Amino acid sequence: MYPEQYIQFLAHFNGDRDYFECHEILEEYWKESSDMKKDSIWVGFILLAVSRYHHRRRNFKGAKRTLEKSIDIMSLRKNELTKLGLAVSVLFSILSKLLGDIDKEESYHSFNLPITDPTLFKACMNKCEDRGITWGKDSNLEDESIVHRHKLRDRTSVIEERLKALKNKKGNE
């Protein structure tokens, strides 16, 4: 009923708080499953995860910018949020408060996306159990591998793709 990648996203978002992994999972899904519209619900979730990543690292400007974009997209997609098993009014209440916290440069705090569908909740719990992830646990702010993941990853393939695209662009000029 729900895409496997969405369940994985929720397990990370509400479980180990690996927002970088949330972004990676849904970006791949978005690229494979849609016409890559920038206002896709998946982009809304990706931006939310990116905002949480920035906020946790105290990058308030980045957190605010990406959260505002996420809210804009999700505001247009409330019916999809409902179909994806979330409590829309609760979600927007959380996001509104979160935006205020970021504006006041308050410290990061974890929150769970409000799942209403018991079937989805069970699937997420099972995914967490399979991966040894604790559901609903606060983010471990001491875990460098999660907090600063973008600095620790291997970017070789990204750099190679950019160089390839640049070479192709120069060849077409």
N, C-alpha and C. Protein backbone atom coordinates (compact mmCIF):
# COMPACT_ATOMS: atom_id res chain seq x y z
N MET A 1 0.82 -1.20 0.00
CA MET A 1 0.00 0.00 0.00
C MET A 1 0.87 1.27 0.00
N TYR A 2 1.96 1.25 0.76
CA TYR A 2 2.88 2.38 0.81
C TYR A 2 4.19 1.97 0.16
N PRO A 3 4.86 2.90 -0.52
CA PRO A 3 6.16 2.57 -1.10
C PRO A 3 7.16 2.15 -0.01
N GLU A 4 7.94 1.16 -0.31
CA GLU A 4 8.96 0.67 0.63
C GLU A 4 9.90 1.80 1.06
N GLN A 5 10.25 2.68 0.13
CA GLN A 5 11.17 3.78 0.44
C GLN A 5 10.56 4.76 1.44
N TYR A 6 9.25 4.94 1.37
CA TYR A 6 8.56 5.80 2.32
C TYR A 6 8.63 5.20 3.72
N ILE A 7 8.45 3.90 3.82
CA ILE A 7 8.55 3.21 5.10
C ILE A 7 9.97 3.33 5.65
N GLN A 8 10.96 3.16 4.78
CA GLN A 8 12.36 3.33 5.20
C GLN A 8 12.61 4.76 5.69
N PHE A 9 12.09 5.73 4.95
CA PHE A 9 12.22 7.14 5.32
C PHE A 9 11.66 7.36 6.73
N LEU A 10 10.44 6.87 6.97
CA LEU A 10 9.81 7.06 8.27
C LEU A 10 10.58 6.36 9.39
N ALA A 11 11.11 5.18 9.10
CA ALA A 11 11.90 4.45 10.10
C ALA A 11 13.14 5.26 10.50
N HIS A 12 13.77 5.88 9.54
CA HIS A 12 14.94 6.72 9.87
C HIS A 12 14.51 8.03 10.51
N PHE A 13 13.48 8.66 9.98
CA PHE A 13 13.05 9.97 10.49
C PHE A 13 12.61 9.86 11.95
N ASN A 14 11.77 8.89 12.24
CA ASN A 14 11.24 8.73 13.59
C ASN A 14 12.06 7.77 14.45
N GLY A 15 13.06 7.14 13.83
CA GLY A 15 13.87 6.17 14.56
C GLY A 15 15.25 6.71 14.89
N ASP A 16 16.22 6.44 14.04
CA ASP A 16 17.60 6.84 14.35
C ASP A 16 17.91 8.29 14.00
N ARG A 17 16.95 9.01 13.42
CA ARG A 17 17.08 10.44 13.09
C ARG A 17 18.21 10.68 12.08
N ASP A 18 18.42 9.69 11.21
CA ASP A 18 19.44 9.84 10.17
C ASP A 18 18.81 10.56 8.99
N TYR A 19 18.75 11.89 9.10
CA TYR A 19 18.07 12.71 8.11
C TYR A 19 18.79 12.70 6.76
N PHE A 20 20.10 12.51 6.80
CA PHE A 20 20.85 12.41 5.56
C PHE A 20 20.38 11.18 4.79
N GLU A 21 20.23 10.06 5.50
CA GLU A 21 19.75 8.84 4.86
C GLU A 21 18.31 9.01 4.37
N CYS A 22 17.49 9.72 5.13
CA CYS A 22 16.12 10.03 4.70
C CYS A 22 16.15 10.71 3.34
N HIS A 23 17.01 11.70 3.20
CA HIS A 23 17.16 12.43 1.95
C HIS A 23 17.58 11.49 0.82
N GLU A 24 18.59 10.68 1.08
CA GLU A 24 19.11 9.78 0.05
C GLU A 24 18.04 8.80 -0.44
N ILE A 25 17.32 8.20 0.49
CA ILE A 25 16.30 7.20 0.16
C ILE A 25 15.21 7.81 -0.70
N LEU A 26 14.67 8.94 -0.26
CA LEU A 26 13.55 9.52 -1.01
C LEU A 26 13.98 10.21 -2.29
N GLU A 27 15.20 10.72 -2.34
CA GLU A 27 15.66 11.33 -3.59
C GLU A 27 15.74 10.27 -4.69
N GLU A 28 16.28 9.11 -4.36
CA GLU A 28 16.34 8.02 -5.35
C GLU A 28 14.93 7.60 -5.78
N TYR A 29 14.04 7.46 -4.81
CA TYR A 29 12.67 7.08 -5.12
C TYR A 29 12.00 8.12 -6.01
N TRP A 30 12.18 9.39 -5.66
CA TRP A 30 11.59 10.49 -6.43
C TRP A 30 12.09 10.46 -7.87
N LYS A 31 13.38 10.25 -8.04
CA LYS A 31 13.95 10.22 -9.39
C LYS A 31 13.41 9.05 -10.20
N GLU A 32 13.19 7.91 -9.55
CA GLU A 32 12.73 6.71 -10.25
C GLU A 32 11.22 6.68 -10.48
N SER A 33 10.46 7.34 -9.63
CA SER A 33 9.02 7.11 -9.64
C SER A 33 8.18 8.27 -10.16
N SER A 34 8.75 9.43 -10.32
CA SER A 34 7.91 10.55 -10.73
C SER A 34 8.50 11.23 -11.96
N ASP A 35 7.80 12.25 -12.39
CA ASP A 35 8.32 13.02 -13.52
C ASP A 35 9.28 14.10 -13.02
N MET A 36 9.77 13.92 -11.81
CA MET A 36 10.75 14.80 -11.18
C MET A 36 10.24 16.24 -11.02
N LYS A 37 8.98 16.37 -10.69
CA LYS A 37 8.43 17.69 -10.40
C LYS A 37 8.98 18.18 -9.07
N LYS A 38 9.34 19.46 -9.04
CA LYS A 38 9.92 20.05 -7.84
C LYS A 38 8.90 20.23 -6.72
N ASP A 39 7.60 20.11 -7.06
CA ASP A 39 6.58 20.24 -6.02
C ASP A 39 5.96 18.90 -5.65
N SER A 40 6.68 17.82 -5.93
CA SER A 40 6.24 16.48 -5.54
C SER A 40 6.21 16.37 -4.02
N ILE A 41 5.31 15.59 -3.49
CA ILE A 41 5.25 15.35 -2.05
C ILE A 41 6.57 14.79 -1.55
N TRP A 42 7.23 14.00 -2.41
CA TRP A 42 8.52 13.41 -2.01
C TRP A 42 9.57 14.50 -1.80
N VAL A 43 9.53 15.54 -2.62
CA VAL A 43 10.45 16.67 -2.45
C VAL A 43 10.13 17.37 -1.12
N GLY A 44 8.84 17.48 -0.80
CA GLY A 44 8.46 18.07 0.49
C GLY A 44 9.07 17.31 1.66
N PHE A 45 9.03 15.99 1.60
CA PHE A 45 9.64 15.17 2.66
C PHE A 45 11.17 15.29 2.65
N ILE A 46 11.75 15.31 1.47
CA ILE A 46 13.21 15.46 1.35
C ILE A 46 13.65 16.77 2.00
N LEU A 47 12.96 17.85 1.67
CA LEU A 47 13.30 19.16 2.23
C LEU A 47 13.10 19.19 3.74
N LEU A 48 12.09 18.50 4.24
CA LEU A 48 11.88 18.42 5.69
C LEU A 48 13.08 17.73 6.35
N ALA A 49 13.53 16.64 5.77
CA ALA A 49 14.69 15.93 6.33
C ALA A 49 15.94 16.81 6.28
N VAL A 50 16.12 17.53 5.18
CA VAL A 50 17.28 18.42 5.05
C VAL A 50 17.20 19.53 6.10
N SER A 51 16.01 20.05 6.33
CA SER A 51 15.83 21.08 7.35
C SER A 51 16.21 20.57 8.73
N ARG A 52 15.79 19.35 9.04
CA ARG A 52 16.12 18.75 10.35
C ARG A 52 17.63 18.57 10.48
N TYR A 53 18.27 18.16 9.38
CA TYR A 53 19.72 17.98 9.37
C TYR A 53 20.42 19.32 9.66
N HIS A 54 19.98 20.37 8.96
CA HIS A 54 20.57 21.70 9.17
C HIS A 54 20.32 22.20 10.59
N HIS A 55 19.09 22.04 11.07
CA HIS A 55 18.75 22.54 12.40
C HIS A 55 19.61 21.88 13.46
N ARG A 56 19.77 20.58 13.35
CA ARG A 56 20.57 19.84 14.33
C ARG A 56 22.01 20.35 14.35
N ARG A 57 22.50 20.81 13.20
CA ARG A 57 23.87 21.33 13.09
C ARG A 57 23.93 22.85 13.35
N ARG A 58 22.81 23.42 13.77
CA ARG A 58 22.69 24.84 14.11
C ARG A 58 22.86 25.75 12.89
N ASN A 59 22.56 25.24 11.72
CA ASN A 59 22.54 26.05 10.50
C ASN A 59 21.10 26.54 10.36
N PHE A 60 20.78 27.60 11.08
CA PHE A 60 19.40 28.08 11.16
C PHE A 60 18.91 28.64 9.83
N LYS A 61 19.80 29.30 9.09
CA LYS A 61 19.41 29.85 7.80
C LYS A 61 19.00 28.72 6.84
N GLY A 62 19.82 27.69 6.74
CA GLY A 62 19.51 26.55 5.87
C GLY A 62 18.27 25.80 6.35
N ALA A 63 18.14 25.65 7.67
CA ALA A 63 16.99 24.96 8.24
C ALA A 63 15.70 25.70 7.92
N LYS A 64 15.72 27.01 8.06
CA LYS A 64 14.52 27.81 7.79
C LYS A 64 14.14 27.76 6.31
N ARG A 65 15.13 27.98 5.45
CA ARG A 65 14.86 28.00 4.01
C ARG A 65 14.26 26.68 3.53
N THR A 66 14.83 25.56 3.95
CA THR A 66 14.33 24.27 3.49
C THR A 66 13.01 23.91 4.14
N LEU A 67 12.81 24.30 5.40
CA LEU A 67 11.53 24.03 6.05
C LEU A 67 10.41 24.83 5.39
N GLU A 68 10.67 26.08 5.07
CA GLU A 68 9.65 26.89 4.41
C GLU A 68 9.25 26.28 3.06
N LYS A 69 10.23 25.82 2.31
CA LYS A 69 9.93 25.17 1.02
C LYS A 69 9.14 23.90 1.24
N SER A 70 9.50 23.13 2.25
CA SER A 70 8.78 21.90 2.56
C SER A 70 7.32 22.20 2.90
N ILE A 71 7.12 23.19 3.75
CA ILE A 71 5.76 23.57 4.15
C ILE A 71 4.95 24.03 2.94
N ASP A 72 5.57 24.82 2.07
CA ASP A 72 4.88 25.28 0.85
C ASP A 72 4.40 24.09 0.02
N ILE A 73 5.28 23.13 -0.19
CA ILE A 73 4.91 21.96 -0.99
C ILE A 73 3.83 21.14 -0.29
N MET A 74 4.03 20.88 0.99
CA MET A 74 3.07 20.05 1.73
C MET A 74 1.71 20.72 1.83
N SER A 75 1.69 22.05 1.88
CA SER A 75 0.42 22.78 1.93
C SER A 75 -0.42 22.53 0.68
N LEU A 76 0.27 22.32 -0.43
CA LEU A 76 -0.42 22.03 -1.69
C LEU A 76 -0.82 20.56 -1.82
N ARG A 77 -0.31 19.73 -0.93
CA ARG A 77 -0.46 18.28 -1.06
C ARG A 77 -1.08 17.64 0.18
N LYS A 78 -1.98 18.34 0.83
CA LYS A 78 -2.58 17.83 2.07
C LYS A 78 -3.31 16.50 1.86
N ASN A 79 -4.00 16.37 0.74
CA ASN A 79 -4.69 15.10 0.47
C ASN A 79 -3.71 13.94 0.35
N GLU A 80 -2.56 14.20 -0.28
CA GLU A 80 -1.54 13.16 -0.40
C GLU A 80 -0.98 12.79 0.97
N LEU A 81 -0.80 13.79 1.83
CA LEU A 81 -0.31 13.51 3.18
C LEU A 81 -1.27 12.59 3.93
N THR A 82 -2.56 12.86 3.76
CA THR A 82 -3.58 12.01 4.39
C THR A 82 -3.50 10.59 3.83
N LYS A 83 -3.38 10.47 2.51
CA LYS A 83 -3.26 9.15 1.88
C LYS A 83 -1.99 8.43 2.29
N LEU A 84 -0.98 9.20 2.69
CA LEU A 84 0.28 8.61 3.15
C LEU A 84 0.26 8.33 4.66
N GLY A 85 -0.93 8.38 5.24
CA GLY A 85 -1.12 7.93 6.63
C GLY A 85 -0.68 8.90 7.70
N LEU A 86 -0.64 10.20 7.40
CA LEU A 86 -0.23 11.18 8.39
C LEU A 86 -1.40 12.04 8.85
N ALA A 87 -1.31 12.50 10.08
CA ALA A 87 -2.30 13.42 10.65
C ALA A 87 -1.91 14.83 10.21
N VAL A 88 -2.61 15.34 9.22
CA VAL A 88 -2.23 16.59 8.57
C VAL A 88 -2.25 17.77 9.53
N SER A 89 -3.32 17.95 10.28
CA SER A 89 -3.40 19.11 11.17
C SER A 89 -2.32 19.05 12.25
N VAL A 90 -2.04 17.87 12.76
CA VAL A 90 -0.98 17.71 13.76
C VAL A 90 0.37 18.03 13.13
N LEU A 91 0.60 17.53 11.93
CA LEU A 91 1.86 17.78 11.23
C LEU A 91 2.09 19.27 11.04
N PHE A 92 1.08 19.98 10.54
CA PHE A 92 1.26 21.41 10.29
C PHE A 92 1.42 22.21 11.58
N SER A 93 0.81 21.76 12.64
CA SER A 93 1.02 22.39 13.94
C SER A 93 2.48 22.24 14.39
N ILE A 94 3.01 21.04 14.22
CA ILE A 94 4.41 20.77 14.56
C ILE A 94 5.34 21.63 13.70
N LEU A 95 5.08 21.66 12.40
CA LEU A 95 5.95 22.40 11.48
C LEU A 95 5.91 23.90 11.76
N SER A 96 4.75 24.42 12.11
CA SER A 96 4.62 25.83 12.43
C SER A 96 5.44 26.18 13.68
N LYS A 97 5.33 25.35 14.70
CA LYS A 97 6.10 25.56 15.93
C LYS A 97 7.59 25.45 15.64
N LEU A 98 7.94 24.48 14.83
CA LEU A 98 9.34 24.26 14.46
C LEU A 98 9.92 25.49 13.74
N LEU A 99 9.15 26.06 12.84
CA LEU A 99 9.59 27.26 12.13
C LEU A 99 9.84 28.41 13.11
N GLY A 100 8.96 28.54 14.08
CA GLY A 100 9.15 29.57 15.12
C GLY A 100 10.41 29.31 15.95
N ASP A 101 10.65 28.05 16.28
CA ASP A 101 11.86 27.68 17.04
C ASP A 101 13.12 28.03 16.25
N ILE A 102 13.09 27.74 14.96
CA ILE A 102 14.24 28.04 14.11
C ILE A 102 14.44 29.55 14.00
N ASP A 103 13.35 30.30 13.85
CA ASP A 103 13.44 31.77 13.80
C ASP A 103 14.10 32.33 15.06
N LYS A 104 13.82 31.71 16.21
CA LYS A 104 14.38 32.16 17.49
C LYS A 104 15.74 31.51 17.78
N GLU A 105 16.23 30.74 16.80
CA GLU A 105 17.50 30.03 16.91
C GLU A 105 17.55 29.15 18.16
N GLU A 106 16.43 28.49 18.42
CA GLU A 106 16.39 27.54 19.53
C GLU A 106 17.03 26.23 19.10
N SER A 107 17.56 25.52 20.06
CA SER A 107 18.26 24.26 19.78
C SER A 107 17.33 23.23 19.16
N TYR A 108 17.93 22.36 18.38
CA TYR A 108 17.24 21.24 17.75
C TYR A 108 16.61 20.35 18.83
N HIS A 109 15.45 19.82 18.51
CA HIS A 109 14.83 18.75 19.30
C HIS A 109 14.14 17.80 18.33
N SER A 110 14.14 16.53 18.67
CA SER A 110 13.53 15.51 17.81
C SER A 110 12.01 15.58 17.90
N PHE A 111 11.35 15.19 16.83
CA PHE A 111 9.91 14.99 16.85
C PHE A 111 9.58 13.87 15.88
N ASN A 112 8.44 13.24 16.09
CA ASN A 112 7.99 12.16 15.21
C ASN A 112 6.95 12.70 14.23
N LEU A 113 7.04 12.23 13.00
CA LEU A 113 5.96 12.50 12.05
C LEU A 113 4.73 11.75 12.55
N PRO A 114 3.57 12.41 12.59
CA PRO A 114 2.38 11.82 13.20
C PRO A 114 1.65 10.83 12.28
N ILE A 115 1.91 9.56 12.49
CA ILE A 115 1.32 8.50 11.68
C ILE A 115 -0.04 8.13 12.28
N THR A 116 -1.05 8.07 11.40
CA THR A 116 -2.40 7.71 11.85
C THR A 116 -2.79 6.29 11.46
N ASP A 117 -2.19 5.77 10.41
CA ASP A 117 -2.55 4.44 9.90
C ASP A 117 -1.82 3.36 10.68
N PRO A 118 -2.55 2.50 11.41
CA PRO A 118 -1.91 1.44 12.20
C PRO A 118 -1.09 0.47 11.34
N THR A 119 -1.51 0.24 10.12
CA THR A 119 -0.77 -0.66 9.22
C THR A 119 0.59 -0.06 8.88
N LEU A 120 0.61 1.23 8.59
CA LEU A 120 1.86 1.92 8.30
C LEU A 120 2.75 1.95 9.53
N PHE A 121 2.16 2.24 10.66
CA PHE A 121 2.92 2.29 11.91
C PHE A 121 3.59 0.94 12.18
N LYS A 122 2.85 -0.14 11.99
CA LYS A 122 3.40 -1.48 12.22
C LYS A 122 4.53 -1.77 11.23
N ALA A 123 4.35 -1.40 9.97
CA ALA A 123 5.39 -1.61 8.96
C ALA A 123 6.67 -0.84 9.34
N CYS A 124 6.50 0.37 9.84
CA CYS A 124 7.65 1.17 10.26
C CYS A 124 8.34 0.56 11.48
N MET A 125 7.55 0.09 12.41
CA MET A 125 8.11 -0.55 13.61
C MET A 125 8.88 -1.80 13.22
N ASN A 126 8.32 -2.58 12.30
CA ASN A 126 9.01 -3.79 11.83
C ASN A 126 10.32 -3.44 11.14
N LYS A 127 10.31 -2.37 10.34
CA LYS A 127 11.53 -1.93 9.65
C LYS A 127 12.59 -1.53 10.68
N CYS A 128 12.17 -0.81 11.70
CA CYS A 128 13.11 -0.41 12.75
C CYS A 128 13.68 -1.65 13.46
N GLU A 129 12.80 -2.57 13.78
CA GLU A 129 13.24 -3.79 14.47
C GLU A 129 14.24 -4.56 13.61
N ASP A 130 13.96 -4.68 12.31
CA ASP A 130 14.86 -5.39 11.40
C ASP A 130 16.25 -4.74 11.35
N ARG A 131 16.29 -3.44 11.52
CA ARG A 131 17.56 -2.70 11.41
C ARG A 131 18.18 -2.34 12.74
N GLY A 132 17.56 -2.77 13.82
CA GLY A 132 18.10 -2.46 15.15
C GLY A 132 17.97 -1.00 15.51
N ILE A 133 16.94 -0.35 15.00
CA ILE A 133 16.69 1.07 15.24
C ILE A 133 15.60 1.19 16.32
N THR A 134 15.81 2.10 17.26
CA THR A 134 14.81 2.35 18.30
C THR A 134 13.86 3.45 17.83
N TRP A 135 12.59 3.15 17.78
CA TRP A 135 11.57 4.09 17.33
C TRP A 135 11.37 5.19 18.38
N GLY A 136 11.35 6.44 17.93
CA GLY A 136 10.97 7.56 18.79
C GLY A 136 12.05 8.04 19.73
N LYS A 137 13.24 7.50 19.63
CA LYS A 137 14.34 7.91 20.50
C LYS A 137 14.84 9.29 20.05
N ASP A 138 15.23 10.13 21.01
CA ASP A 138 15.79 11.43 20.66
C ASP A 138 17.09 11.25 19.90
N SER A 139 17.39 12.20 19.06
CA SER A 139 18.62 12.19 18.28
C SER A 139 19.82 12.23 19.21
N ASN A 140 20.82 11.43 18.88
CA ASN A 140 22.08 11.42 19.62
C ASN A 140 22.97 12.52 19.04
N LEU A 141 23.02 13.64 19.72
CA LEU A 141 23.76 14.80 19.22
C LEU A 141 25.27 14.60 19.30
N GLU A 142 25.70 13.54 19.95
CA GLU A 142 27.14 13.24 20.06
C GLU A 142 27.61 12.32 18.93
N ASP A 143 26.68 11.77 18.17
CA ASP A 143 27.03 10.82 17.11
C ASP A 143 27.45 11.57 15.84
N GLU A 144 28.75 11.74 15.69
CA GLU A 144 29.31 12.47 14.54
C GLU A 144 28.89 11.86 13.21
N SER A 145 28.74 10.54 13.17
CA SER A 145 28.41 9.87 11.91
C SER A 145 27.01 10.23 11.42
N ILE A 146 26.16 10.71 12.30
CA ILE A 146 24.81 11.13 11.91
C ILE A 146 24.75 12.66 11.82
N VAL A 147 25.30 13.35 12.81
CA VAL A 147 25.20 14.81 12.87
C VAL A 147 25.97 15.47 11.72
N HIS A 148 27.13 14.94 11.38
CA HIS A 148 27.97 15.55 10.35
C HIS A 148 28.19 14.60 9.17
N ARG A 149 27.18 13.86 8.83
CA ARG A 149 27.33 12.81 7.83
C ARG A 149 27.82 13.32 6.47
N HIS A 150 27.38 14.50 6.07
CA HIS A 150 27.79 15.02 4.75
C HIS A 150 29.30 15.23 4.67
N LYS A 151 29.95 15.47 5.79
CA LYS A 151 31.40 15.67 5.79
C LYS A 151 32.17 14.35 5.74
N LEU A 152 31.51 13.28 6.13
CA LEU A 152 32.18 11.99 6.29
C LEU A 152 31.98 11.03 5.13
N ARG A 153 31.08 11.37 4.20
CA ARG A 153 30.75 10.44 3.13
C ARG A 153 31.76 10.48 2.00
N ASP A 154 31.80 9.43 1.23
CA ASP A 154 32.66 9.35 0.04
C ASP A 154 31.94 10.06 -1.11
N ARG A 155 32.52 11.13 -1.61
CA ARG A 155 31.89 11.93 -2.67
C ARG A 155 32.47 11.65 -4.05
N THR A 156 33.24 10.60 -4.17
CA THR A 156 33.90 10.28 -5.44
C THR A 156 32.91 10.20 -6.59
N SER A 157 31.81 9.47 -6.42
CA SER A 157 30.85 9.30 -7.52
C SER A 157 30.16 10.62 -7.87
N VAL A 158 29.89 11.46 -6.87
CA VAL A 158 29.25 12.75 -7.12
C VAL A 158 30.19 13.64 -7.93
N ILE A 159 31.45 13.67 -7.54
CA ILE A 159 32.45 14.49 -8.25
C ILE A 159 32.62 14.00 -9.68
N GLU A 160 32.67 12.67 -9.85
CA GLU A 160 32.80 12.11 -11.20
C GLU A 160 31.61 12.48 -12.08
N GLU A 161 30.40 12.42 -11.53
CA GLU A 161 29.19 12.78 -12.29
C GLU A 161 29.21 14.25 -12.68
N ARG A 162 29.64 15.12 -11.77
CA ARG A 162 29.71 16.55 -12.09
C ARG A 162 30.73 16.83 -13.19
N LEU A 163 31.88 16.19 -13.10
CA LEU A 163 32.91 16.36 -14.13
C LEU A 163 32.42 15.86 -15.49
N LYS A 164 31.72 14.74 -15.48
CA LYS A 164 31.16 14.16 -16.71
C LYS A 164 30.14 15.12 -17.32
N ALA A 165 29.26 15.68 -16.48
CA ALA A 165 28.24 16.62 -16.97
C ALA A 165 28.89 17.88 -17.53
N LEU A 166 29.94 18.36 -16.85
CA LEU A 166 30.66 19.55 -17.32
C LEU A 166 31.33 19.27 -18.66
N LYS A 167 31.94 18.11 -18.79
CA LYS A 167 32.60 17.73 -20.04
C LYS A 167 31.57 17.65 -21.17
N ASN A 168 30.40 17.05 -20.89
CA ASN A 168 29.33 16.95 -21.91
C ASN A 168 28.82 18.33 -22.30
N LYS A 169 28.70 19.21 -21.33
CA LYS A 169 28.22 20.57 -21.60
C LYS A 169 29.21 21.31 -22.50
N LYS A 170 30.49 21.19 -22.19
CA LYS A 170 31.52 21.86 -23.00
C LYS A 170 31.57 21.27 -24.41
N GLY A 171 31.30 19.97 -24.52
CA GLY A 171 31.28 19.33 -25.83
C GLY A 171 30.12 19.77 -26.69
N ASN A 172 29.03 20.22 -26.07
CA ASN A 172 27.84 20.66 -26.80
C ASN A 172 27.87 22.15 -27.14
N GLU A 173 28.87 22.86 -26.68
CA GLU A 173 28.93 24.31 -26.94
C GLU A 173 29.60 24.62 -28.24
